[in-house]
C-alpha atoms as a PDB file:
ATOM      1  CA  MET A   1      92.925 187.581 121.206  1.00  0.00           C
ATOM      2  CA  ARG A   2      92.331 184.524 123.383  1.00  0.00           C
ATOM      3  CA  TRP A   3      89.707 186.373 125.472  1.00  0.00           C
ATOM      4  CA  THR A   4      87.929 187.535 122.333  1.00  0.00           C
ATOM      5  CA  ALA A   5      87.658 183.958 121.077  1.00  0.00           C
ATOM      6  CA  LEU A   6      86.370 182.769 124.466  1.00  0.00           C
ATOM      7  CA  LEU A   7      83.843 185.592 124.624  1.00  0.00           C
ATOM      8  CA  LEU A   8      82.644 184.814 121.108  1.00  0.00           C
ATOM      9  CA  LEU A   9      82.315 181.108 121.955  1.00  0.00           C
ATOM     10  CA  ALA A  10      80.355 181.939 125.119  1.00  0.00           C
ATOM     11  CA  MET A  11      77.966 184.149 123.142  1.00  0.00           C
ATOM     12  CA  VAL A  12      77.355 181.415 120.544  1.00  0.00           C
ATOM     13  CA  LEU A  13      76.709 178.822 123.259  1.00  0.00           C
ATOM     14  CA  TRP A  14      74.363 181.186 125.111  1.00  0.00           C
ATOM     15  CA  GLN A  15      72.410 181.830 121.891  1.00  0.00           C
ATOM     16  CA  SER A  16      72.114 178.093 121.239  1.00  0.00           C
ATOM     17  CA  CYS A  17      70.892 177.441 124.782  1.00  0.00           C
ATOM     18  CA  TYR A  18      68.507 180.387 124.669  1.00  0.00           C
ATOM     19  CA  SER A  19      66.919 179.278 121.418  1.00  0.00           C
ATOM     20  CA  GLN A  20      66.606 175.694 122.715  1.00  0.00           C
ATOM     21  CA  ASN A  21      64.787 176.840 125.837  1.00  0.00           C
ATOM     22  CA  ASN A  22      62.654 179.415 124.024  1.00  0.00           C
ATOM     23  CA  PRO A  23      61.578 177.727 120.806  1.00  0.00           C
ATOM     24  CA  GLN A  24      59.364 179.595 118.398  1.00  0.00           C
ATOM     25  CA  LYS A  25      56.042 178.060 117.514  1.00  0.00           C
ATOM     26  CA  PRO A  26      55.914 176.526 114.038  1.00  0.00           C
ATOM     27  CA  GLN A  27      54.126 178.772 111.605  1.00  0.00           C
ATOM     28  CA  ALA A  28      50.722 177.683 110.377  1.00  0.00           C
ATOM     29  CA  MET A  29      50.286 176.876 106.714  1.00  0.00           C
ATOM     30  CA  GLU A  30      48.300 180.049 106.031  1.00  0.00           C
ATOM     31  CA  ASN A  31      51.369 182.209 106.477  1.00  0.00           C
ATOM     32  CA  ASP A  32      53.116 184.602 104.130  1.00  0.00           C
ATOM     33  CA  LYS A  33      55.520 181.843 103.053  1.00  0.00           C
ATOM     34  CA  THR A  34      52.827 180.104 101.023  1.00  0.00           C
ATOM     35  CA  LYS A  35      50.123 182.738 100.366  1.00  0.00           C
ATOM     36  CA  LYS A  36      51.780 184.260  97.314  1.00  0.00           C
ATOM     37  CA  ASN A  37      53.343 181.034  96.065  1.00  0.00           C
ATOM     38  CA  PRO A  38      51.370 179.737  93.053  1.00  0.00           C
ATOM     39  CA  VAL A  39      53.298 176.431  92.868  1.00  0.00           C
ATOM     40  CA  TYR A  40      52.613 175.385  96.465  1.00  0.00           C
ATOM     41  CA  SER A  41      50.358 172.327  96.493  1.00  0.00           C
ATOM     42  CA  ARG A  42      50.139 169.286  98.731  1.00  0.00           C
ATOM     43  CA  THR A  43      48.348 167.280  96.054  1.00  0.00           C
ATOM     44  CA  ASP A  44      50.098 168.213  92.792  1.00  0.00           C
ATOM     45  CA  SER A  45      53.113 165.989  92.171  1.00  0.00           C
ATOM     46  CA  ALA A  46      54.167 167.596  88.855  1.00  0.00           C
ATOM     47  CA  LYS A  47      57.784 168.754  88.792  1.00  0.00           C
ATOM     48  CA  VAL A  48      58.270 172.481  89.334  1.00  0.00           C
ATOM     49  CA  VAL A  49      60.822 174.293  87.180  1.00  0.00           C
ATOM     50  CA  MET A  50      61.208 178.056  87.585  1.00  0.00           C
ATOM     51  CA  LYS A  51      63.847 180.680  86.928  1.00  0.00           C
ATOM     52  CA  ASP A  52      65.787 181.967  89.902  1.00  0.00           C
ATOM     53  CA  ASP A  53      64.267 185.459  89.557  1.00  0.00           C
ATOM     54  CA  ASP A  54      60.769 183.976  89.781  1.00  0.00           C
ATOM     55  CA  TRP A  55      61.653 182.010  92.925  1.00  0.00           C
ATOM     56  CA  LYS A  56      63.031 185.189  94.469  1.00  0.00           C
ATOM     57  CA  LYS A  57      59.711 186.963  93.867  1.00  0.00           C
ATOM     58  CA  ILE A  58      57.542 184.342  95.570  1.00  0.00           C
ATOM     59  CA  LEU A  59      59.691 183.020  98.429  1.00  0.00           C
ATOM     60  CA  ALA A  60      60.409 184.690 101.754  1.00  0.00           C
ATOM     61  CA  PRO A  61      64.075 185.800 101.944  1.00  0.00           C
ATOM     62  CA  ASP A  62      65.040 183.145 104.525  1.00  0.00           C
ATOM     63  CA  VAL A  63      63.359 180.369 102.517  1.00  0.00           C
ATOM     64  CA  TYR A  64      64.960 181.600  99.278  1.00  0.00           C
ATOM     65  CA  TYR A  65      68.420 181.671 100.889  1.00  0.00           C
ATOM     66  CA  ILE A  66      68.207 178.068 102.130  1.00  0.00           C
ATOM     67  CA  ALA A  67      66.180 176.526  99.296  1.00  0.00           C
ATOM     68  CA  ARG A  68      67.645 178.189  96.231  1.00  0.00           C
ATOM     69  CA  GLN A  69      71.109 179.326  97.389  1.00  0.00           C
ATOM     70  CA  LYS A  70      71.871 176.174  99.420  1.00  0.00           C
ATOM     71  CA  GLY A  71      72.213 178.074 102.666  1.00  0.00           C
ATOM     72  CA  THR A  72      72.067 176.697 106.204  1.00  0.00           C
ATOM     73  CA  GLU A  73      70.075 178.057 109.113  1.00  0.00           C
ATOM     74  CA  ARG A  74      71.725 178.470 112.512  1.00  0.00           C
ATOM     75  CA  PRO A  75      71.523 175.299 114.639  1.00  0.00           C
ATOM     76  CA  PHE A  76      68.885 175.093 117.385  1.00  0.00           C
ATOM     77  CA  THR A  77      66.795 177.900 115.854  1.00  0.00           C
ATOM     78  CA  SER A  78      64.065 175.884 114.116  1.00  0.00           C
ATOM     79  CA  PRO A  79      60.845 175.318 116.049  1.00  0.00           C
ATOM     80  CA  PHE A  80      60.584 171.982 114.225  1.00  0.00           C
ATOM     81  CA  GLU A  81      63.778 170.688 115.823  1.00  0.00           C
ATOM     82  CA  THR A  82      61.980 169.936 119.108  1.00  0.00           C
ATOM     83  CA  LEU A  83      58.401 169.588 117.814  1.00  0.00           C
ATOM     84  CA  LYS A  84      56.722 166.422 119.128  1.00  0.00           C
ATOM     85  CA  GLU A  85      53.385 166.684 117.269  1.00  0.00           C
ATOM     86  CA  VAL A  86      52.161 163.834 115.082  1.00  0.00           C
ATOM     87  CA  GLY A  87      51.800 164.749 111.426  1.00  0.00           C
ATOM     88  CA  THR A  88      53.541 165.295 108.127  1.00  0.00           C
ATOM     89  CA  TYR A  89      56.430 167.546 107.126  1.00  0.00           C
ATOM     90  CA  TYR A  90      56.189 169.174 103.684  1.00  0.00           C
ATOM     91  CA  CYS A  91      58.534 171.204 101.499  1.00  0.00           C
ATOM     92  CA  ALA A  92      57.813 174.854 102.346  1.00  0.00           C
ATOM     93  CA  VAL A  93      58.627 175.813  98.766  1.00  0.00           C
ATOM     94  CA  CYS A  94      56.265 173.534  96.817  1.00  0.00           C
ATOM     95  CA  GLY A  95      54.188 171.488  99.301  1.00  0.00           C
ATOM     96  CA  ASN A  96      55.769 168.131  98.439  1.00  0.00           C
ATOM     97  CA  PRO A  97      55.333 165.597 101.304  1.00  0.00           C
ATOM     98  CA  LEU A  98      58.799 164.792 102.688  1.00  0.00           C
ATOM     99  CA  PHE A  99      58.719 163.096 106.107  1.00  0.00           C
ATOM    100  CA  LYS A 100      56.249 161.588 108.587  1.00  0.00           C
ATOM    101  CA  SER A 101      56.693 162.622 112.206  1.00  0.00           C
ATOM    102  CA  ASP A 102      57.175 159.005 113.308  1.00  0.00           C
ATOM    103  CA  THR A 103      60.515 158.983 111.439  1.00  0.00           C
ATOM    104  CA  LYS A 104      61.741 162.078 113.302  1.00  0.00           C
ATOM    105  CA  PHE A 105      64.277 161.662 116.096  1.00  0.00           C
ATOM    106  CA  GLU A 106      66.425 163.812 118.355  1.00  0.00           C
ATOM    107  CA  SER A 107      69.941 163.683 116.961  1.00  0.00           C
ATOM    108  CA  GLY A 108      71.377 166.566 118.980  1.00  0.00           C
ATOM    109  CA  CYS A 109      72.774 168.170 115.813  1.00  0.00           C
ATOM    110  CA  GLY A 110      70.594 171.305 116.065  1.00  0.00           C
ATOM    111  CA  TRP A 111      68.382 170.675 113.037  1.00  0.00           C
ATOM    112  CA  PRO A 112      65.246 168.563 112.571  1.00  0.00           C
ATOM    113  CA  SER A 113      66.403 164.992 111.873  1.00  0.00           C
ATOM    114  CA  PHE A 114      64.586 162.087 110.244  1.00  0.00           C
ATOM    115  CA  TYR A 115      65.654 158.537 109.433  1.00  0.00           C
ATOM    116  CA  GLU A 116      63.472 157.990 106.346  1.00  0.00           C
ATOM    117  CA  PRO A 117      61.622 160.071 103.736  1.00  0.00           C
ATOM    118  CA  ILE A 118      57.965 159.433 102.870  1.00  0.00           C
ATOM    119  CA  SER A 119      58.891 157.941  99.488  1.00  0.00           C
ATOM    120  CA  LYS A 120      61.882 157.361  97.237  1.00  0.00           C
ATOM    121  CA  SER A 121      60.676 160.099  94.898  1.00  0.00           C
ATOM    122  CA  SER A 122      60.224 162.749  97.605  1.00  0.00           C
ATOM    123  CA  ILE A 123      63.996 163.310  97.901  1.00  0.00           C
ATOM    124  CA  ILE A 124      66.826 163.771  95.372  1.00  0.00           C
ATOM    125  CA  TYR A 125      70.386 162.848  96.380  1.00  0.00           C
ATOM    126  CA  LEU A 126      73.426 164.784  95.117  1.00  0.00           C
ATOM    127  CA  PRO A 127      77.133 164.635  95.965  1.00  0.00           C
ATOM    128  CA  ASP A 128      78.302 167.719  97.878  1.00  0.00           C
ATOM    129  CA  ASN A 129      82.045 168.282  98.084  1.00  0.00           C
ATOM    130  CA  SER A 130      81.829 171.885  99.315  1.00  0.00           C
ATOM    131  CA  LEU A 131      83.645 173.228 102.372  1.00  0.00           C
ATOM    132  CA  GLY A 132      86.308 170.543 102.026  1.00  0.00           C
ATOM    133  CA  MET A 133      83.885 167.761 103.016  1.00  0.00           C
ATOM    134  CA  GLN A 134      82.307 164.836 101.203  1.00  0.00           C
ATOM    135  CA  ARG A 135      78.588 164.810 101.981  1.00  0.00           C
ATOM    136  CA  THR A 136      75.311 163.921 100.322  1.00  0.00           C
ATOM    137  CA  GLU A 137      72.958 166.835  99.735  1.00  0.00           C
ATOM    138  CA  VAL A 138      69.213 166.231  99.727  1.00  0.00           C
ATOM    139  CA  GLU A 139      66.807 168.247  97.613  1.00  0.00           C
ATOM    140  CA  CYS A 140      63.045 168.214  97.276  1.00  0.00           C
ATOM    141  CA  GLY A 141      62.003 165.691  94.636  1.00  0.00           C
ATOM    142  CA  ARG A 142      59.395 168.054  93.194  1.00  0.00           C
ATOM    143  CA  CYS A 143      61.062 171.506  93.066  1.00  0.00           C
ATOM    144  CA  LYS A 144      64.747 170.674  93.632  1.00  0.00           C
ATOM    145  CA  SER A 145      65.012 173.000  96.618  1.00  0.00           C
ATOM    146  CA  HIS A 146      67.952 172.417  98.942  1.00  0.00           C
ATOM    147  CA  LEU A 147      66.741 170.766 102.158  1.00  0.00           C
ATOM    148  CA  GLY A 148      69.932 169.724 103.933  1.00  0.00           C
ATOM    149  CA  HIS A 149      72.139 166.620 103.984  1.00  0.00           C
ATOM    150  CA  VAL A 150      71.876 162.915 104.760  1.00  0.00           C
ATOM    151  CA  PHE A 151      74.457 161.085 106.875  1.00  0.00           C
ATOM    152  CA  ASP A 152      74.956 157.406 107.711  1.00  0.00           C
ATOM    153  CA  ASP A 153      74.951 157.858 111.503  1.00  0.00           C
ATOM    154  CA  GLY A 154      71.205 157.598 112.148  1.00  0.00           C
ATOM    155  CA  PRO A 155      69.140 155.092 114.102  1.00  0.00           C
ATOM    156  CA  PRO A 156      67.647 151.786 112.912  1.00  0.00           C
ATOM    157  CA  PRO A 157      65.974 150.687 110.763  1.00  0.00           C
ATOM    158  CA  THR A 158      67.765 152.744 108.055  1.00  0.00           C
ATOM    159  CA  GLY A 159      70.885 153.958 109.863  1.00  0.00           C
ATOM    160  CA  LEU A 160      70.396 157.309 108.105  1.00  0.00           C
ATOM    161  CA  ARG A 161      70.089 160.845 109.475  1.00  0.00           C
ATOM    162  CA  TYR A 162      68.396 163.362 107.218  1.00  0.00           C
ATOM    163  CA  CYS A 163      69.556 166.662 108.727  1.00  0.00           C
ATOM    164  CA  ILE A 164      67.025 169.197 107.386  1.00  0.00           C
ATOM    165  CA  ASN A 165      66.828 172.983 107.596  1.00  0.00           C
ATOM    166  CA  GLY A 166      63.572 173.792 109.380  1.00  0.00           C
ATOM    167  CA  VAL A 167      63.112 176.975 107.320  1.00  0.00           C
ATOM    168  CA  VAL A 168      62.297 174.853 104.265  1.00  0.00           C
ATOM    169  CA  LEU A 169      59.776 172.685 106.129  1.00  0.00           C
ATOM    170  CA  ASP A 170      56.060 173.098 106.708  1.00  0.00           C
ATOM    171  CA  PHE A 171      54.109 170.873 109.056  1.00  0.00           C
ATOM    172  CA  GLU A 172      50.537 169.674 109.197  1.00  0.00           C
ATOM    173  CA  LYS A 173      49.313 168.093 112.380  1.00  0.00           C
ATOM    174  CA  ALA A 174      47.559 164.751 111.871  1.00  0.00           C
ATOM    175  CA  LYS A 175      43.831 164.642 112.403  1.00  0.00           C
ATOM    176  CA  THR A 176      42.777 162.247 115.122  1.00  0.00           C
ATOM    177  CA  ALA A 177      40.537 159.291 114.332  1.00  0.00           C
ATOM    178  CA  GLU A 178      37.792 160.867 116.450  1.00  0.00           C
ATOM    179  CA  LYS A 179      37.962 164.137 114.541  1.00  0.00           C
ATOM    180  CA  LYS A 180      37.866 162.296 111.202  1.00  0.00           C
ATOM    181  CA  TYR A 181      34.842 160.306 112.426  1.00  0.00           C
ATOM    182  CA  LYS A 182      32.974 163.475 113.438  1.00  0.00           C
ATOM    183  CA  GLU A 183      33.800 165.144 110.132  1.00  0.00           C
ATOM    184  CA  GLY A 184      32.539 162.117 108.210  1.00  0.00           C
ATOM    185  CA  LYS A 185      29.422 161.762 110.357  1.00  0.00           C
ATOM    186  CA  GLY A 186      28.575 165.451 110.080  1.00  0.00           C
ATOM    187  CA  SER A 187      28.565 165.284 106.293  1.00  0.00           C
ATOM    188  CA  GLU A 188      25.939 162.500 106.059  1.00  0.00           C
END
């Protein structure tokens, strides 16, 4: 029994190390997660209310599990956990802007962590007393999808750590000032 537990622990640790050293590349926005999703919009801020069966039809199974069933992805498996690009993180379910990359930090918890959302309305806070713990759940302010939890052990200036499931995040890399200038100049 003791050897079985040790073997199981070793396998979990190996998987965590393997996924840390071999991160997947974040998926581009034009992926299957958002192609068939009629509510996904980065500009529409209207609240999204849908029946569970409708969400199930338009969301990928992993996104549905986390977002609608309040699941949790395995730690150290999200490509966003170690992403260093400058840009904006959006809700993968509805496109709501959630976090800027300059509020992201390495917490060591295994999930993408941020110390501040883009706005007060981008996140909803709910008490979560499941699993015998007292935590604060965070949901998307537009579609009420489960994102993760917020803890009070983060860095300054807020002291908060938004521990977010990467499966329910999308990312858009920021355009550089030079690229914006060329785009503007080319349209004259």
